[in-house]
Full PDB file with SEQRES, HELIX, SHEET, SSBOND, CRYST1, ORIGX, SCALE, CONECT and MASTER records, all heavy atoms in Angstrom:
SEQRES   1 A   30  LYS HIS GLN SER GLY ASN ASN SER GLY VAL LEU HIS CYS          
SEQRES   2 A   30  GLY LEU TYR TYR GLU PRO GLY SER LEU LYS ALA LYS LEU          
SEQRES   3 A   30  ALA VAL ASP GLY                                              
HELIX    1 AA1 GLN A    3  GLY A    5  5                                   3    
HELIX    2 AA2 LEU A   22  ASP A   29  1                                   8    
CRYST1    1.000    1.000    1.000  90.00  90.00  90.00 P 1           1          
ORIGX1      1.000000  0.000000  0.000000        0.00000                         
ORIGX2      0.000000  1.000000  0.000000        0.00000                         
ORIGX3      0.000000  0.000000  1.000000        0.00000                         
SCALE1      1.000000  0.000000  0.000000        0.00000                         
SCALE2      0.000000  1.000000  0.000000        0.00000                         
SCALE3      0.000000  0.000000  1.000000        0.00000                         
ATOM      1  N   LYS A   1       9.164  10.312  12.046  1.00  0.00           N  
ATOM      2  CA  LYS A   1       9.432  11.692  11.757  1.00  0.00           C  
ATOM      3  C   LYS A   1       9.448  12.057  10.199  1.00  0.00           C  
ATOM      4  O   LYS A   1       9.272  13.210   9.816  1.00  0.00           O  
ATOM      5  CB  LYS A   1      10.649  12.208  12.382  1.00  0.00           C  
ATOM      6  CG  LYS A   1      10.938  13.676  12.422  1.00  0.00           C  
ATOM      7  CD  LYS A   1      11.980  14.148  13.277  1.00  0.00           C  
ATOM      8  CE  LYS A   1      12.179  15.619  13.398  1.00  0.00           C  
ATOM      9  NZ  LYS A   1      13.231  16.068  14.335  1.00  0.00           N  
ATOM     10  N   HIS A   2       9.670  10.966   9.354  1.00  0.00           N  
ATOM     11  CA  HIS A   2       9.846  11.190   8.006  1.00  0.00           C  
ATOM     12  C   HIS A   2       8.671  10.656   7.176  1.00  0.00           C  
ATOM     13  O   HIS A   2       7.530  11.099   7.298  1.00  0.00           O  
ATOM     14  CB  HIS A   2      11.203  10.806   7.639  1.00  0.00           C  
ATOM     15  CG  HIS A   2      12.216  11.544   8.260  1.00  0.00           C  
ATOM     16  ND1 HIS A   2      12.448  12.880   7.981  1.00  0.00           N  
ATOM     17  CD2 HIS A   2      13.186  11.223   9.258  1.00  0.00           C  
ATOM     18  CE1 HIS A   2      13.409  13.407   8.757  1.00  0.00           C  
ATOM     19  NE2 HIS A   2      13.877  12.406   9.537  1.00  0.00           N  
ATOM     20  N   GLN A   3       8.892   9.643   6.377  1.00  0.00           N  
ATOM     21  CA  GLN A   3       7.827   9.177   5.537  1.00  0.00           C  
ATOM     22  C   GLN A   3       6.519   8.859   6.295  1.00  0.00           C  
ATOM     23  O   GLN A   3       5.455   9.263   5.795  1.00  0.00           O  
ATOM     24  CB  GLN A   3       8.294   7.909   4.683  1.00  0.00           C  
ATOM     25  CG  GLN A   3       9.270   8.226   3.554  1.00  0.00           C  
ATOM     26  CD  GLN A   3       9.493   6.978   2.716  1.00  0.00           C  
ATOM     27  OE1 GLN A   3       9.004   6.944   1.642  1.00  0.00           O  
ATOM     28  NE2 GLN A   3      10.105   6.036   3.352  1.00  0.00           N  
ATOM     29  N   SER A   4       6.648   8.108   7.384  1.00  0.00           N  
ATOM     30  CA  SER A   4       5.496   7.562   7.989  1.00  0.00           C  
ATOM     31  C   SER A   4       4.645   8.767   8.564  1.00  0.00           C  
ATOM     32  O   SER A   4       3.412   8.654   8.775  1.00  0.00           O  
ATOM     33  CB  SER A   4       5.946   6.593   9.141  1.00  0.00           C  
ATOM     34  OG  SER A   4       6.656   5.561   8.603  1.00  0.00           O  
ATOM     35  N   GLY A   5       5.219   9.821   8.980  1.00  0.00           N  
ATOM     36  CA  GLY A   5       4.598  10.981   9.636  1.00  0.00           C  
ATOM     37  C   GLY A   5       4.244  12.086   8.756  1.00  0.00           C  
ATOM     38  O   GLY A   5       3.743  13.112   9.207  1.00  0.00           O  
ATOM     39  N   ASN A   6       4.559  11.876   7.416  1.00  0.00           N  
ATOM     40  CA  ASN A   6       4.275  12.999   6.481  1.00  0.00           C  
ATOM     41  C   ASN A   6       3.561  12.589   5.289  1.00  0.00           C  
ATOM     42  O   ASN A   6       3.900  12.924   4.186  1.00  0.00           O  
ATOM     43  CB  ASN A   6       5.673  13.680   6.033  1.00  0.00           C  
ATOM     44  CG  ASN A   6       6.365  14.419   7.201  1.00  0.00           C  
ATOM     45  OD1 ASN A   6       5.870  15.505   7.486  1.00  0.00           O  
ATOM     46  ND2 ASN A   6       7.445  13.881   7.846  1.00  0.00           N  
ATOM     47  N   ASN A   7       2.580  11.721   5.433  1.00  0.00           N  
ATOM     48  CA  ASN A   7       1.721  11.264   4.426  1.00  0.00           C  
ATOM     49  C   ASN A   7       0.253  11.708   4.761  1.00  0.00           C  
ATOM     50  O   ASN A   7       0.007  12.262   5.803  1.00  0.00           O  
ATOM     51  CB  ASN A   7       1.803   9.737   4.177  1.00  0.00           C  
ATOM     52  CG  ASN A   7       1.398   8.965   5.374  1.00  0.00           C  
ATOM     53  OD1 ASN A   7       0.361   9.134   5.923  1.00  0.00           O  
ATOM     54  ND2 ASN A   7       2.159   7.986   5.769  1.00  0.00           N  
ATOM     55  N   SER A   8      -0.589  11.471   3.803  1.00  0.00           N  
ATOM     56  CA  SER A   8      -1.987  11.981   3.912  1.00  0.00           C  
ATOM     57  C   SER A   8      -2.824  11.059   4.699  1.00  0.00           C  
ATOM     58  O   SER A   8      -4.020  11.341   4.814  1.00  0.00           O  
ATOM     59  CB  SER A   8      -2.567  12.375   2.619  1.00  0.00           C  
ATOM     60  OG  SER A   8      -2.542  11.237   1.704  1.00  0.00           O  
ATOM     61  N   GLY A   9      -2.325   9.996   5.164  1.00  0.00           N  
ATOM     62  CA  GLY A   9      -3.136   8.988   5.911  1.00  0.00           C  
ATOM     63  C   GLY A   9      -4.091   8.098   5.216  1.00  0.00           C  
ATOM     64  O   GLY A   9      -5.137   7.787   5.759  1.00  0.00           O  
ATOM     65  N   VAL A  10      -3.900   7.878   3.971  1.00  0.00           N  
ATOM     66  CA  VAL A  10      -4.843   7.017   3.112  1.00  0.00           C  
ATOM     67  C   VAL A  10      -4.482   5.568   3.432  1.00  0.00           C  
ATOM     68  O   VAL A  10      -3.471   5.037   3.478  1.00  0.00           O  
ATOM     69  CB  VAL A  10      -4.702   7.355   1.706  1.00  0.00           C  
ATOM     70  CG1 VAL A  10      -5.517   6.453   0.804  1.00  0.00           C  
ATOM     71  CG2 VAL A  10      -5.083   8.796   1.415  1.00  0.00           C  
ATOM     72  N   LEU A  11      -5.622   4.767   3.435  1.00  0.00           N  
ATOM     73  CA  LEU A  11      -5.464   3.289   3.544  1.00  0.00           C  
ATOM     74  C   LEU A  11      -5.619   2.834   2.083  1.00  0.00           C  
ATOM     75  O   LEU A  11      -6.781   2.894   1.521  1.00  0.00           O  
ATOM     76  CB  LEU A  11      -6.589   2.775   4.415  1.00  0.00           C  
ATOM     77  CG  LEU A  11      -6.498   3.007   5.925  1.00  0.00           C  
ATOM     78  CD1 LEU A  11      -7.811   2.735   6.594  1.00  0.00           C  
ATOM     79  CD2 LEU A  11      -5.370   2.161   6.542  1.00  0.00           C  
ATOM     80  N   HIS A  12      -4.567   2.197   1.520  1.00  0.00           N  
ATOM     81  CA  HIS A  12      -4.649   1.744   0.109  1.00  0.00           C  
ATOM     82  C   HIS A  12      -4.968   0.312   0.153  1.00  0.00           C  
ATOM     83  O   HIS A  12      -4.317  -0.523   0.863  1.00  0.00           O  
ATOM     84  CB  HIS A  12      -3.255   2.016  -0.496  1.00  0.00           C  
ATOM     85  CG  HIS A  12      -2.869   3.470  -0.742  1.00  0.00           C  
ATOM     86  ND1 HIS A  12      -3.589   4.311  -1.783  1.00  0.00           N  
ATOM     87  CD2 HIS A  12      -2.132   4.411  -0.165  1.00  0.00           C  
ATOM     88  CE1 HIS A  12      -3.173   5.395  -1.707  1.00  0.00           C  
ATOM     89  NE2 HIS A  12      -2.243   5.609  -0.743  1.00  0.00           N  
ATOM     90  N   CYS A  13      -5.819  -0.075  -0.743  1.00  0.00           N  
ATOM     91  CA  CYS A  13      -6.238  -1.517  -0.787  1.00  0.00           C  
ATOM     92  C   CYS A  13      -5.671  -2.447  -1.831  1.00  0.00           C  
ATOM     93  O   CYS A  13      -5.979  -3.591  -1.869  1.00  0.00           O  
ATOM     94  CB  CYS A  13      -7.727  -1.608  -0.810  1.00  0.00           C  
ATOM     95  SG  CYS A  13      -8.562  -1.002  -2.277  1.00  0.00           S  
ATOM     96  N   GLY A  14      -4.835  -1.916  -2.766  1.00  0.00           N  
ATOM     97  CA  GLY A  14      -4.265  -2.815  -3.741  1.00  0.00           C  
ATOM     98  C   GLY A  14      -4.867  -2.708  -5.164  1.00  0.00           C  
ATOM     99  O   GLY A  14      -4.718  -3.675  -5.893  1.00  0.00           O  
ATOM    100  N   LEU A  15      -5.447  -1.614  -5.518  1.00  0.00           N  
ATOM    101  CA  LEU A  15      -6.047  -1.491  -6.807  1.00  0.00           C  
ATOM    102  C   LEU A  15      -5.001  -1.476  -7.922  1.00  0.00           C  
ATOM    103  O   LEU A  15      -5.297  -2.057  -8.955  1.00  0.00           O  
ATOM    104  CB  LEU A  15      -6.902  -0.163  -6.774  1.00  0.00           C  
ATOM    105  CG  LEU A  15      -7.599   0.173  -8.205  1.00  0.00           C  
ATOM    106  CD1 LEU A  15      -8.669  -0.880  -8.467  1.00  0.00           C  
ATOM    107  CD2 LEU A  15      -8.175   1.569  -8.135  1.00  0.00           C  
ATOM    108  N   TYR A  16      -3.910  -0.766  -7.762  1.00  0.00           N  
ATOM    109  CA  TYR A  16      -3.132  -0.370  -8.835  1.00  0.00           C  
ATOM    110  C   TYR A  16      -2.032  -1.470  -9.241  1.00  0.00           C  
ATOM    111  O   TYR A  16      -1.516  -1.446 -10.301  1.00  0.00           O  
ATOM    112  CB  TYR A  16      -2.268   0.973  -8.596  1.00  0.00           C  
ATOM    113  CG  TYR A  16      -3.243   2.099  -8.271  1.00  0.00           C  
ATOM    114  CD1 TYR A  16      -3.269   2.619  -6.954  1.00  0.00           C  
ATOM    115  CD2 TYR A  16      -4.001   2.732  -9.262  1.00  0.00           C  
ATOM    116  CE1 TYR A  16      -4.112   3.648  -6.660  1.00  0.00           C  
ATOM    117  CE2 TYR A  16      -4.814   3.803  -9.022  1.00  0.00           C  
ATOM    118  CZ  TYR A  16      -4.869   4.260  -7.622  1.00  0.00           C  
ATOM    119  OH  TYR A  16      -5.648   5.269  -7.328  1.00  0.00           O  
ATOM    120  N   TYR A  17      -1.825  -2.435  -8.323  1.00  0.00           N  
ATOM    121  CA  TYR A  17      -0.526  -3.158  -8.296  1.00  0.00           C  
ATOM    122  C   TYR A  17      -0.753  -4.381  -9.231  1.00  0.00           C  
ATOM    123  O   TYR A  17      -1.715  -4.989  -9.332  1.00  0.00           O  
ATOM    124  CB  TYR A  17      -0.032  -3.435  -6.942  1.00  0.00           C  
ATOM    125  CG  TYR A  17      -0.244  -2.260  -6.074  1.00  0.00           C  
ATOM    126  CD1 TYR A  17      -0.961  -2.325  -4.866  1.00  0.00           C  
ATOM    127  CD2 TYR A  17       0.313  -1.020  -6.488  1.00  0.00           C  
ATOM    128  CE1 TYR A  17      -1.172  -1.129  -4.061  1.00  0.00           C  
ATOM    129  CE2 TYR A  17       0.143   0.151  -5.592  1.00  0.00           C  
ATOM    130  CZ  TYR A  17      -0.652  -0.017  -4.484  1.00  0.00           C  
ATOM    131  OH  TYR A  17      -0.778   1.091  -3.769  1.00  0.00           O  
ATOM    132  N   GLU A  18       0.477  -4.700  -9.935  1.00  0.00           N  
ATOM    133  CA  GLU A  18       0.468  -5.890 -10.827  1.00  0.00           C  
ATOM    134  C   GLU A  18      -0.029  -7.132 -10.133  1.00  0.00           C  
ATOM    135  O   GLU A  18       0.570  -7.533  -9.089  1.00  0.00           O  
ATOM    136  CB  GLU A  18       1.895  -5.992 -11.334  1.00  0.00           C  
ATOM    137  CG  GLU A  18       2.059  -7.065 -12.390  1.00  0.00           C  
ATOM    138  CD  GLU A  18       1.430  -6.738 -13.782  1.00  0.00           C  
ATOM    139  OE1 GLU A  18       1.266  -5.520 -14.000  1.00  0.00           O  
ATOM    140  OE2 GLU A  18       0.943  -7.698 -14.473  1.00  0.00           O  
ATOM    141  N   PRO A  19      -1.050  -7.781 -10.707  1.00  0.00           N  
ATOM    142  CA  PRO A  19      -1.554  -9.018 -10.058  1.00  0.00           C  
ATOM    143  C   PRO A  19      -0.416 -10.002  -9.889  1.00  0.00           C  
ATOM    144  O   PRO A  19       0.417 -10.218 -10.892  1.00  0.00           O  
ATOM    145  CB  PRO A  19      -2.609  -9.568 -11.029  1.00  0.00           C  
ATOM    146  CG  PRO A  19      -3.093  -8.230 -11.642  1.00  0.00           C  
ATOM    147  CD  PRO A  19      -1.901  -7.385 -11.767  1.00  0.00           C  
ATOM    148  N   GLY A  20      -0.337 -10.598  -8.744  1.00  0.00           N  
ATOM    149  CA  GLY A  20       0.730 -11.667  -8.449  1.00  0.00           C  
ATOM    150  C   GLY A  20       1.988 -10.975  -7.839  1.00  0.00           C  
ATOM    151  O   GLY A  20       2.917 -11.708  -7.407  1.00  0.00           O  
ATOM    152  N   SER A  21       2.142  -9.691  -7.896  1.00  0.00           N  
ATOM    153  CA  SER A  21       3.318  -9.113  -7.311  1.00  0.00           C  
ATOM    154  C   SER A  21       3.238  -9.054  -5.808  1.00  0.00           C  
ATOM    155  O   SER A  21       2.152  -9.154  -5.255  1.00  0.00           O  
ATOM    156  CB  SER A  21       3.368  -7.680  -7.792  1.00  0.00           C  
ATOM    157  OG  SER A  21       2.314  -6.835  -7.254  1.00  0.00           O  
ATOM    158  N   LEU A  22       4.303  -8.959  -5.200  1.00  0.00           N  
ATOM    159  CA  LEU A  22       4.375  -8.978  -3.699  1.00  0.00           C  
ATOM    160  C   LEU A  22       3.528  -7.744  -3.188  1.00  0.00           C  
ATOM    161  O   LEU A  22       2.844  -7.885  -2.246  1.00  0.00           O  
ATOM    162  CB  LEU A  22       5.819  -8.818  -3.277  1.00  0.00           C  
ATOM    163  CG  LEU A  22       6.041  -8.942  -1.732  1.00  0.00           C  
ATOM    164  CD1 LEU A  22       5.613 -10.199  -1.211  1.00  0.00           C  
ATOM    165  CD2 LEU A  22       7.565  -8.757  -1.465  1.00  0.00           C  
ATOM    166  N   LYS A  23       3.678  -6.593  -3.863  1.00  0.00           N  
ATOM    167  CA  LYS A  23       2.918  -5.379  -3.536  1.00  0.00           C  
ATOM    168  C   LYS A  23       1.400  -5.633  -3.492  1.00  0.00           C  
ATOM    169  O   LYS A  23       0.720  -5.237  -2.504  1.00  0.00           O  
ATOM    170  CB  LYS A  23       3.297  -4.222  -4.315  1.00  0.00           C  
ATOM    171  CG  LYS A  23       2.714  -2.930  -3.873  1.00  0.00           C  
ATOM    172  CD  LYS A  23       3.059  -1.762  -4.688  1.00  0.00           C  
ATOM    173  CE  LYS A  23       4.428  -1.218  -4.366  1.00  0.00           C  
ATOM    174  NZ  LYS A  23       4.634   0.094  -5.033  1.00  0.00           N  
ATOM    175  N   ALA A  24       0.960  -6.270  -4.517  1.00  0.00           N  
ATOM    176  CA  ALA A  24      -0.529  -6.556  -4.625  1.00  0.00           C  
ATOM    177  C   ALA A  24      -1.011  -7.481  -3.543  1.00  0.00           C  
ATOM    178  O   ALA A  24      -2.000  -7.223  -2.869  1.00  0.00           O  
ATOM    179  CB  ALA A  24      -0.811  -7.181  -5.953  1.00  0.00           C  
ATOM    180  N   LYS A  25      -0.223  -8.471  -3.303  1.00  0.00           N  
ATOM    181  CA  LYS A  25      -0.612  -9.503  -2.248  1.00  0.00           C  
ATOM    182  C   LYS A  25      -0.627  -8.902  -0.858  1.00  0.00           C  
ATOM    183  O   LYS A  25      -1.604  -9.028  -0.128  1.00  0.00           O  
ATOM    184  CB  LYS A  25       0.349 -10.704  -2.233  1.00  0.00           C  
ATOM    185  CG  LYS A  25       0.266 -11.696  -1.112  1.00  0.00           C  
ATOM    186  CD  LYS A  25       1.220 -12.763  -1.184  1.00  0.00           C  
ATOM    187  CE  LYS A  25       1.186 -13.745   0.082  1.00  0.00           C  
ATOM    188  NZ  LYS A  25       2.265 -14.727   0.138  1.00  0.00           N  
ATOM    189  N   LEU A  26       0.461  -8.093  -0.515  1.00  0.00           N  
ATOM    190  CA  LEU A  26       0.621  -7.580   0.809  1.00  0.00           C  
ATOM    191  C   LEU A  26      -0.318  -6.388   1.005  1.00  0.00           C  
ATOM    192  O   LEU A  26      -0.709  -6.096   2.154  1.00  0.00           O  
ATOM    193  CB  LEU A  26       1.994  -7.229   1.131  1.00  0.00           C  
ATOM    194  CG  LEU A  26       2.959  -8.453   1.138  1.00  0.00           C  
ATOM    195  CD1 LEU A  26       4.422  -8.015   1.533  1.00  0.00           C  
ATOM    196  CD2 LEU A  26       2.494  -9.583   1.904  1.00  0.00           C  
ATOM    197  N   ALA A  27      -0.656  -5.701  -0.063  1.00  0.00           N  
ATOM    198  CA  ALA A  27      -1.573  -4.540   0.171  1.00  0.00           C  
ATOM    199  C   ALA A  27      -2.973  -4.942   0.424  1.00  0.00           C  
ATOM    200  O   ALA A  27      -3.621  -4.338   1.304  1.00  0.00           O  
ATOM    201  CB  ALA A  27      -1.539  -3.672  -1.232  1.00  0.00           C  
ATOM    202  N   VAL A  28      -3.524  -5.982  -0.194  1.00  0.00           N  
ATOM    203  CA  VAL A  28      -4.815  -6.441   0.009  1.00  0.00           C  
ATOM    204  C   VAL A  28      -4.917  -6.988   1.413  1.00  0.00           C  
ATOM    205  O   VAL A  28      -5.770  -6.648   2.212  1.00  0.00           O  
ATOM    206  CB  VAL A  28      -5.280  -7.469  -1.021  1.00  0.00           C  
ATOM    207  CG1 VAL A  28      -6.535  -8.091  -0.584  1.00  0.00           C  
ATOM    208  CG2 VAL A  28      -5.341  -6.881  -2.366  1.00  0.00           C  
ATOM    209  N   ASP A  29      -3.935  -7.893   1.812  1.00  0.00           N  
ATOM    210  CA  ASP A  29      -3.889  -8.460   3.140  1.00  0.00           C  
ATOM    211  C   ASP A  29      -3.665  -7.347   4.212  1.00  0.00           C  
ATOM    212  O   ASP A  29      -4.217  -7.292   5.317  1.00  0.00           O  
ATOM    213  CB  ASP A  29      -2.893  -9.502   3.365  1.00  0.00           C  
ATOM    214  CG  ASP A  29      -2.813 -10.123   4.729  1.00  0.00           C  
ATOM    215  OD1 ASP A  29      -3.789 -10.777   5.207  1.00  0.00           O  
ATOM    216  OD2 ASP A  29      -1.812  -9.843   5.433  1.00  0.00           O  
ATOM    217  N   GLY A  30      -2.736  -6.327   3.784  1.00  0.00           N  
ATOM    218  CA  GLY A  30      -2.367  -5.407   4.668  1.00  0.00           C  
ATOM    219  C   GLY A  30      -3.431  -4.370   5.196  1.00  0.00           C  
ATOM    220  O   GLY A  30      -3.472  -4.009   6.341  1.00  0.00           O  
TER     221      GLY A  30                                                      
MASTER        0    0    0    2    0    0    0    6  220    1    0    3          
END                                                                             
């Protein structure tokens, strides 16, 4: 009902995130 249901539905692939960060690793695999 909140964050998950009120976004624009974009699939993000990990372009912006600091290499080696957890976010970068999990975004690409995610």
